[in-house]
Amino acid sequence: MAHLYKKIIKGRTYWYLRETHRVDGKVKLKWQKYLGTADSILAKL
């Protein structure tokens, strides 16, 4: 299942949609899609 993931880079917050899965008991990233900043996401809505 996909979920929102927040990254803070140089004090700015960026949002990603990300899906993970387990391989040999460890969580691995399956895919991730960049959504942008909160302001850019609101502008798209």
C-alpha atoms as a PDB file:
ATOM      1  CA  MET A   1       0.000   0.000   0.000  1.00  0.00           C
ATOM      2  CA  ALA A   2       1.279   3.471  -0.849  1.00  0.00           C
ATOM      3  CA  HIS A   3       1.744   6.143   1.811  1.00  0.00           C
ATOM      4  CA  LEU A   4       2.907   9.760   2.090  1.00  0.00           C
ATOM      5  CA  TYR A   5       6.528  10.312   3.061  1.00  0.00           C
ATOM      6  CA  LYS A   6       7.999  13.648   4.162  1.00  0.00           C
ATOM      7  CA  LYS A   7      11.626  14.594   3.484  1.00  0.00           C
ATOM      8  CA  ILE A   8      13.223  17.703   4.970  1.00  0.00           C
ATOM      9  CA  ILE A   9      16.097  18.964   2.829  1.00  0.00           C
ATOM     10  CA  LYS A  10      17.930  22.156   3.854  1.00  0.00           C
ATOM     11  CA  GLY A  11      14.987  23.145   6.053  1.00  0.00           C
ATOM     12  CA  ARG A  12      12.342  22.762   3.301  1.00  0.00           C
ATOM     13  CA  THR A  13       9.702  20.032   3.370  1.00  0.00           C
ATOM     14  CA  TYR A  14       9.061  17.895   0.288  1.00  0.00           C
ATOM     15  CA  TRP A  15       6.367  15.201  -0.052  1.00  0.00           C
ATOM     16  CA  TYR A  16       6.612  11.861  -1.833  1.00  0.00           C
ATOM     17  CA  LEU A  17       4.185   9.011  -2.454  1.00  0.00           C
ATOM     18  CA  ARG A  18       6.042   5.810  -1.634  1.00  0.00           C
ATOM     19  CA  GLU A  19       5.425   2.057  -1.601  1.00  0.00           C
ATOM     20  CA  THR A  20       7.590  -0.433   0.292  1.00  0.00           C
ATOM     21  CA  HIS A  21       7.707  -4.211   0.670  1.00  0.00           C
ATOM     22  CA  ARG A  22       9.608  -6.772   2.768  1.00  0.00           C
ATOM     23  CA  VAL A  23      12.504  -8.812   1.405  1.00  0.00           C
ATOM     24  CA  ASP A  24      14.137 -11.302   3.787  1.00  0.00           C
ATOM     25  CA  GLY A  25      12.619  -9.487   6.790  1.00  0.00           C
ATOM     26  CA  LYS A  26      13.906  -6.044   5.750  1.00  0.00           C
ATOM     27  CA  VAL A  27      11.856  -3.202   4.335  1.00  0.00           C
ATOM     28  CA  LYS A  28      12.834  -2.242   0.771  1.00  0.00           C
ATOM     29  CA  LEU A  29      11.605   0.675  -1.316  1.00  0.00           C
ATOM     30  CA  LYS A  30       9.481  -0.540  -4.232  1.00  0.00           C
ATOM     31  CA  TRP A  31       8.804   2.845  -5.887  1.00  0.00           C
ATOM     32  CA  GLN A  32       8.429   6.512  -5.016  1.00  0.00           C
ATOM     33  CA  LYS A  33       6.845   9.471  -6.811  1.00  0.00           C
ATOM     34  CA  TYR A  34       7.720  13.101  -6.060  1.00  0.00           C
ATOM     35  CA  LEU A  35       4.639  15.208  -5.237  1.00  0.00           C
ATOM     36  CA  GLY A  36       6.297  18.544  -4.411  1.00  0.00           C
ATOM     37  CA  THR A  37       5.970  20.993  -1.556  1.00  0.00           C
ATOM     38  CA  ALA A  38       2.728  21.494   0.359  1.00  0.00           C
ATOM     39  CA  ASP A  39       2.110  24.764  -1.530  1.00  0.00           C
ATOM     40  CA  SER A  40       2.538  23.150  -4.946  1.00  0.00           C
ATOM     41  CA  ILE A  41       0.256  20.251  -3.964  1.00  0.00           C
ATOM     42  CA  LEU A  42      -2.454  22.699  -2.855  1.00  0.00           C
ATOM     43  CA  ALA A  43      -2.092  24.676  -6.093  1.00  0.00           C
ATOM     44  CA  LYS A  44      -2.691  21.479  -8.107  1.00  0.00           C
ATOM     45  CA  LEU A  45      -5.900  20.794  -6.183  1.00  0.00           C
END
